[in-house]
Amino acid sequence: MSIIEKALKKQGAKQPGEKELVAKASITKAMAQKKSLHVEPTSPQPRKEKTSTTHPEQELPYVSKKQPVSTPAMVIDTQKLKAAGMVSHDDDSTNVQINTEYRSIKQKLLYNAFGPASGTLNHSNMVMITSARPSEGKTFTAVNLAMSVAAEKDKTILLVDADVLKPSISATLGVDEKPGLIDYLLGDVAQLSDVIYSTNIPNLRVLPAGSSHHLSNELLASDRMESLTTELATRYSDRLVVFDCPPMLGVVETLTVSRFMGQAMIVVSESMTKMSEVEQTVADLNKEMAIGFVVNKALSGTNSQYGYGYGYGAKTNKV
């Protein structure tokens, strides 16, 4: 039984046929041997009535994907990402393995966000990426996922750096730091459109973390944050919003952000994450979320390859 299966069983995961989706894939940062994807679809559940806390007269100004933005575009260093073995849109054979694997991973998220399963989740298109501890590959996963979704012809992606304690999205993308989420929550930026940046990748926009602040958790728990996330979740019907969050354990900010999310992807390092840490991470999350795992640095066969595994399991409420 894998580390994911043990964690989900420990927390009371539902069996296939309930609100559970299963998918497995393996990838490497440096091109591991591919494993096959296994999917167990579930029957659609009754759609929940979704409500918005944002009144029409209070609707947040938001950047239109069909209109030019007023902020300077971010020019992402795609060659740097490609050289690092990350998802690439180039038509060559260099990064075929990782491109293929992230296609498998993103399909489960897109199914939950926009397919029949979306009716069972609140803010189904809002996905948080986190890990139990630092250095397990969550930002690597968030950027690769964003790059993969950006290749879709009928979907767009907003990548949010919600790791306001130690932002790394801008550095990973090879762009300069700019005002972002915290600046907007502080009121230093009047319009949300001023901190959502277009990029040289047509379907990808970025919302950086912005300035550091000693009251970051209070800002993330504010009414302004709730209105912002409701706006992001409901403004565009074809947009996936991915939040790169801090590690779960010992960081209250991640739990604060999680209450606005419909899905969570937890990055687990097979070589360093303890079972107790996985169990605690799963236990702390909102019980109504769809929870998935990306297993990083997993040993495969006798060649000690590094890769990813991916699975979904909904949790049952504990009494």
Protein backbone atom coordinates (compact mmCIF):
# COMPACT_ATOMS: atom_id res chain seq x y z
CA MET A 1 0.00 0.00 0.00
CA SER A 2 1.47 3.38 -1.04
CA ILE A 3 2.07 6.34 1.27
CA ILE A 4 -0.93 8.10 -0.30
CA GLU A 5 -3.27 5.15 0.18
CA LYS A 6 -2.18 4.74 3.81
CA ALA A 7 -2.76 8.45 4.51
CA LEU A 8 -6.19 8.47 2.91
CA LYS A 9 -7.19 5.25 4.65
CA LYS A 10 -6.04 6.70 7.97
CA GLN A 11 -8.25 9.76 7.41
CA GLY A 12 -11.26 7.75 6.27
CA ALA A 13 -11.04 8.19 2.49
CA LYS A 14 -14.17 7.24 0.57
CA GLN A 15 -14.05 4.23 -1.69
CA PRO A 16 -14.42 4.46 -5.49
CA GLY A 17 -18.03 5.14 -6.36
CA GLU A 18 -18.30 8.01 -3.86
CA LYS A 19 -16.74 11.48 -4.29
CA GLU A 20 -13.34 10.06 -5.29
CA LEU A 21 -11.19 10.38 -8.35
CA VAL A 22 -8.01 8.35 -8.83
CA ALA A 23 -5.21 9.02 -11.21
CA LYS A 24 -1.60 7.94 -11.14
CA ALA A 25 1.31 9.15 -13.16
CA SER A 26 5.06 9.31 -12.74
CA ILE A 27 7.40 12.01 -13.91
CA THR A 28 10.82 13.33 -13.08
CA LYS A 29 12.38 16.70 -13.02
CA ALA A 30 14.96 15.13 -15.32
CA MET A 31 12.64 12.88 -17.32
CA ALA A 32 11.83 9.66 -15.39
CA GLN A 33 10.36 6.61 -17.03
CA LYS A 34 6.63 7.09 -17.64
CA LYS A 35 4.00 5.08 -15.80
CA SER A 36 0.45 4.58 -17.04
CA LEU A 37 -2.45 6.69 -15.75
CA HIS A 38 -5.37 4.93 -14.13
CA VAL A 39 -8.68 6.75 -13.74
CA GLU A 40 -11.74 5.62 -11.86
CA PRO A 41 -14.58 7.97 -12.83
CA THR A 42 -17.46 8.56 -10.47
CA SER A 43 -21.09 9.27 -11.07
CA PRO A 44 -22.00 12.96 -10.93
CA GLN A 45 -23.46 14.10 -7.62
CA PRO A 46 -26.22 16.67 -7.17
CA ARG A 47 -24.98 20.14 -7.97
CA LYS A 48 -24.67 22.52 -5.02
CA GLU A 49 -26.19 25.93 -5.22
CA LYS A 50 -23.30 28.38 -5.41
CA THR A 51 -23.57 31.78 -3.82
CA SER A 52 -21.38 34.84 -4.05
CA THR A 53 -20.51 37.24 -1.24
CA THR A 54 -19.59 39.93 -3.74
CA HIS A 55 -22.49 42.32 -4.42
CA PRO A 56 -22.77 43.78 -7.94
CA GLU A 57 -22.03 47.27 -6.77
CA GLN A 58 -18.94 45.99 -4.92
CA GLU A 59 -17.63 43.83 -7.75
CA LEU A 60 -13.87 43.92 -7.90
CA PRO A 61 -12.26 45.46 -10.97
CA TYR A 62 -10.63 42.59 -12.81
CA VAL A 63 -8.45 42.25 -15.83
CA SER A 64 -10.24 41.09 -18.97
CA LYS A 65 -8.50 38.37 -20.88
CA LYS A 66 -9.93 39.87 -24.08
CA GLN A 67 -8.63 43.38 -23.48
CA PRO A 68 -5.08 44.71 -23.12
CA VAL A 69 -4.00 45.08 -19.50
CA SER A 70 -2.75 48.36 -18.07
CA THR A 71 0.22 46.74 -16.31
CA PRO A 72 3.46 45.78 -18.09
CA ALA A 73 3.50 42.20 -19.29
CA MET A 74 5.81 39.69 -17.65
CA VAL A 75 8.20 38.11 -20.11
CA ILE A 76 8.75 34.57 -18.86
CA ASP A 77 12.08 32.99 -19.66
CA THR A 78 10.67 29.88 -21.32
CA GLN A 79 14.11 28.69 -22.38
CA LYS A 80 15.21 28.73 -18.74
CA LEU A 81 12.22 26.60 -17.79
CA LYS A 82 12.89 24.23 -20.67
CA ALA A 83 16.56 23.90 -19.70
CA ALA A 84 15.47 23.07 -16.13
CA GLY A 85 13.46 20.12 -17.46
CA MET A 86 10.07 21.76 -16.97
CA VAL A 87 6.95 21.80 -19.15
CA SER A 88 7.63 23.40 -22.51
CA HIS A 89 5.40 24.50 -25.39
CA ASP A 90 8.15 24.00 -27.95
CA ASP A 91 7.57 21.53 -30.76
CA ASP A 92 10.54 19.28 -30.11
CA SER A 93 11.39 16.12 -28.25
CA THR A 94 13.36 17.66 -25.38
CA ASN A 95 10.69 17.69 -22.67
CA VAL A 96 8.12 15.27 -24.08
CA GLN A 97 8.11 13.10 -20.94
CA ILE A 98 7.24 15.82 -18.45
CA ASN A 99 4.78 17.43 -20.88
CA THR A 100 2.93 14.14 -21.20
CA GLU A 101 2.84 13.48 -17.48
CA TYR A 102 1.46 16.91 -16.61
CA ARG A 103 -1.23 16.43 -19.22
CA SER A 104 -2.34 13.45 -17.16
CA ILE A 105 -2.21 15.36 -13.89
CA LYS A 106 -4.05 18.44 -15.13
CA GLN A 107 -6.92 16.41 -16.58
CA LYS A 108 -8.05 15.38 -13.09
CA LEU A 109 -7.98 18.98 -11.89
CA LEU A 110 -9.86 20.19 -14.98
CA TYR A 111 -12.44 17.43 -14.56
CA ASN A 112 -13.05 18.49 -10.97
CA ALA A 113 -13.08 22.16 -11.90
CA PHE A 114 -15.34 22.12 -14.96
CA GLY A 115 -16.81 18.63 -15.34
CA PRO A 116 -19.76 16.93 -13.61
CA ALA A 117 -17.81 16.70 -10.34
CA SER A 118 -17.65 20.51 -10.10
CA GLY A 119 -21.18 20.60 -8.72
CA THR A 120 -20.04 18.86 -5.54
CA LEU A 121 -17.29 21.39 -4.77
CA ASN A 122 -17.33 25.02 -3.68
CA HIS A 123 -15.04 27.13 -5.90
CA SER A 124 -14.10 24.02 -7.87
CA ASN A 125 -11.73 25.94 -10.18
CA MET A 126 -9.62 27.19 -7.25
CA VAL A 127 -6.67 24.86 -6.61
CA MET A 128 -4.07 25.19 -3.87
CA ILE A 129 -0.64 23.55 -4.19
CA THR A 130 1.13 22.84 -0.91
CA SER A 131 3.35 20.32 0.87
CA ALA A 132 3.90 19.13 4.43
CA ARG A 133 7.40 20.60 4.69
CA PRO A 134 9.62 22.95 2.66
CA SER A 135 11.74 21.74 -0.29
CA GLU A 136 9.33 19.06 -1.48
CA GLY A 137 8.69 20.59 -4.92
CA LYS A 138 5.41 22.50 -4.58
CA THR A 139 6.49 25.53 -6.65
CA PHE A 140 7.99 23.25 -9.29
CA THR A 141 4.59 21.51 -9.44
CA ALA A 142 2.59 24.76 -9.51
CA VAL A 143 4.60 26.26 -12.38
CA ASN A 144 4.55 23.06 -14.43
CA LEU A 145 0.81 22.74 -13.93
CA ALA A 146 0.29 26.35 -14.99
CA MET A 147 2.41 25.87 -18.10
CA SER A 148 0.50 22.72 -19.01
CA VAL A 149 -2.95 24.30 -18.57
CA ALA A 150 -1.81 27.32 -20.62
CA ALA A 151 -1.44 24.98 -23.59
CA GLU A 152 -5.18 24.25 -23.52
CA LYS A 153 -7.17 25.81 -26.37
CA ASP A 154 -10.33 26.55 -24.38
CA LYS A 155 -8.95 27.16 -20.87
CA THR A 156 -6.90 29.91 -19.23
CA ILE A 157 -4.78 29.85 -16.09
CA LEU A 158 -4.08 32.37 -13.34
CA LEU A 159 -1.03 31.47 -11.23
CA VAL A 160 -1.13 33.09 -7.78
CA ASP A 161 1.94 33.22 -5.53
CA ALA A 162 0.22 32.79 -2.18
CA ASP A 163 3.46 31.79 -0.44
CA VAL A 164 3.64 35.28 1.02
CA LEU A 165 6.25 34.17 3.59
CA LYS A 166 8.77 32.96 1.02
CA PRO A 167 7.64 33.83 -2.54
CA SER A 168 9.39 31.97 -5.35
CA ILE A 169 7.09 32.07 -8.39
CA SER A 170 8.74 35.17 -9.91
CA ALA A 171 12.24 33.74 -9.48
CA THR A 172 11.19 30.42 -11.00
CA LEU A 173 9.61 32.15 -14.00
CA GLY A 174 12.65 34.39 -14.42
CA VAL A 175 10.76 37.67 -13.99
CA ASP A 176 11.24 40.69 -11.73
CA GLU A 177 9.37 41.03 -8.45
CA LYS A 178 6.29 43.26 -8.76
CA PRO A 179 3.48 44.50 -6.49
CA GLY A 180 0.99 41.73 -5.91
CA LEU A 181 -1.45 40.03 -3.56
CA ILE A 182 -0.36 41.58 -0.25
CA ASP A 183 -0.20 45.07 -1.79
CA TYR A 184 -3.80 44.69 -2.96
CA LEU A 185 -5.00 43.37 0.42
CA LEU A 186 -3.29 46.31 2.15
CA GLY A 187 -5.16 48.75 -0.09
CA ASP A 188 -1.91 50.08 -1.56
CA VAL A 189 -3.20 49.01 -4.98
CA ALA A 190 -6.72 50.14 -5.81
CA GLN A 191 -7.55 47.71 -8.58
CA LEU A 192 -6.95 44.00 -8.78
CA SER A 193 -6.17 44.40 -12.46
CA ASP A 194 -3.05 46.36 -11.48
CA VAL A 195 -1.45 43.28 -9.91
CA ILE A 196 -2.60 40.59 -12.36
CA TYR A 197 0.03 40.53 -15.08
CA SER A 198 -0.24 39.29 -18.62
CA THR A 199 2.66 37.20 -19.88
CA ASN A 200 4.24 36.26 -23.18
CA ILE A 201 2.30 32.99 -22.87
CA PRO A 202 -1.19 33.98 -24.13
CA ASN A 203 -3.33 31.88 -21.76
CA LEU A 204 -1.22 32.48 -18.64
CA ARG A 205 -1.53 35.36 -16.17
CA VAL A 206 0.35 35.79 -12.90
CA LEU A 207 -0.57 37.37 -9.56
CA PRO A 208 2.68 37.72 -7.54
CA ALA A 209 2.88 37.63 -3.74
CA GLY A 210 3.94 41.27 -3.53
CA SER A 211 5.33 42.95 -0.43
CA SER A 212 6.09 41.09 2.78
CA HIS A 213 4.04 42.04 5.85
CA HIS A 214 4.04 40.98 9.49
CA LEU A 215 0.22 40.67 9.46
CA SER A 216 0.10 38.44 6.39
CA ASN A 217 -2.29 35.93 7.96
CA GLU A 218 -4.70 38.64 9.06
CA LEU A 219 -4.66 40.06 5.53
CA LEU A 220 -5.34 36.64 4.03
CA ALA A 221 -8.24 36.14 6.46
CA SER A 222 -9.79 39.54 5.68
CA ASP A 223 -13.09 40.33 3.96
CA ARG A 224 -11.07 41.82 1.10
CA MET A 225 -9.41 38.44 0.53
CA GLU A 226 -12.76 36.67 0.61
CA SER A 227 -14.16 39.07 -1.98
CA LEU A 228 -11.02 38.67 -4.10
CA THR A 229 -11.21 34.87 -4.13
CA THR A 230 -14.94 34.90 -4.88
CA GLU A 231 -14.23 37.19 -7.81
CA LEU A 232 -11.44 34.96 -9.09
CA ALA A 233 -13.62 31.87 -8.74
CA THR A 234 -16.65 33.24 -10.55
CA ARG A 235 -15.50 35.89 -13.05
CA TYR A 236 -14.50 33.57 -15.90
CA SER A 237 -16.10 30.20 -16.52
CA ASP A 238 -13.03 28.82 -18.31
CA ARG A 239 -10.29 29.85 -15.89
CA LEU A 240 -8.36 27.61 -13.50
CA VAL A 241 -6.79 29.51 -10.60
CA VAL A 242 -3.74 27.87 -9.00
CA PHE A 243 -2.42 29.11 -5.63
CA ASP A 244 1.16 28.21 -4.70
CA CYS A 245 0.81 28.16 -0.90
CA PRO A 246 3.35 27.77 1.94
CA PRO A 247 3.99 24.32 3.43
CA MET A 248 1.18 23.16 5.70
CA LEU A 249 2.86 22.21 8.96
CA GLY A 250 3.61 25.09 11.31
CA VAL A 251 2.23 27.75 8.93
CA VAL A 252 -1.22 29.15 9.66
CA GLU A 253 -1.42 31.12 6.39
CA THR A 254 -1.97 27.96 4.34
CA LEU A 255 -4.95 26.88 6.42
CA THR A 256 -6.37 30.38 6.11
CA VAL A 257 -6.17 30.29 2.31
CA SER A 258 -7.50 26.73 2.14
CA ARG A 259 -10.99 27.76 3.22
CA PHE A 260 -11.43 29.60 -0.08
CA MET A 261 -10.29 26.65 -2.23
CA GLY A 262 -12.19 23.82 -3.88
CA GLN A 263 -9.22 21.54 -4.54
CA ALA A 264 -5.86 20.85 -2.92
CA MET A 265 -2.80 19.17 -4.40
CA ILE A 266 -0.29 18.07 -1.76
CA VAL A 267 3.28 17.47 -2.89
CA VAL A 268 4.85 14.61 -0.94
CA SER A 269 8.52 13.69 -1.07
CA GLU A 270 8.82 9.92 -0.93
CA SER A 271 12.37 10.17 0.37
CA MET A 272 11.77 12.64 3.20
CA THR A 273 8.09 13.12 4.12
CA LYS A 274 6.98 11.13 7.15
CA MET A 275 3.65 9.29 7.15
CA SER A 276 2.59 11.22 10.26
CA GLU A 277 3.19 14.49 8.40
CA VAL A 278 1.02 13.39 5.48
CA GLU A 279 -1.74 12.32 7.86
CA GLN A 280 -1.59 15.62 9.74
CA THR A 281 -1.66 17.62 6.52
CA VAL A 282 -4.73 15.79 5.25
CA ALA A 283 -6.47 16.07 8.63
CA ASP A 284 -5.98 19.84 8.79
CA LEU A 285 -7.55 20.61 5.42
CA ASN A 286 -11.16 21.50 4.73
CA LYS A 287 -13.14 18.24 4.65
CA GLU A 288 -15.20 19.43 1.66
CA MET A 289 -12.19 19.81 -0.66
CA ALA A 290 -11.04 17.36 -3.31
CA ILE A 291 -7.54 16.38 -2.19
CA GLY A 292 -4.87 15.08 -4.54
CA PHE A 293 -1.23 14.09 -4.13
CA VAL A 294 1.90 14.46 -6.18
CA VAL A 295 4.57 12.07 -4.88
CA ASN A 296 7.99 13.53 -5.59
CA LYS A 297 11.36 11.71 -5.67
CA ALA A 298 9.76 8.29 -5.56
CA LEU A 299 12.06 5.28 -6.04
CA SER A 300 11.03 3.25 -9.07
CA GLY A 301 12.29 -0.30 -9.60
CA THR A 302 16.00 -0.95 -9.26
CA ASN A 303 17.13 2.20 -11.06
CA SER A 304 16.26 4.59 -8.21
CA GLN A 305 14.47 6.95 -10.56
CA TYR A 306 12.77 10.06 -9.34
CA GLY A 307 9.20 10.76 -10.26
CA TYR A 308 5.67 11.71 -9.39
CA GLY A 309 2.58 9.75 -8.53
CA TYR A 310 -0.85 11.32 -8.45
CA GLY A 311 -4.10 10.35 -6.80
CA TYR A 312 -7.36 11.78 -5.51
CA GLY A 313 -9.34 10.83 -2.46
CA ALA A 314 -12.17 12.70 -0.74
CA LYS A 315 -12.17 12.64 3.04
CA THR A 316 -15.04 11.73 5.30
CA ASN A 317 -15.96 13.90 8.24
CA LYS A 318 -14.86 12.63 11.62
CA VAL A 319 -17.34 12.84 14.47
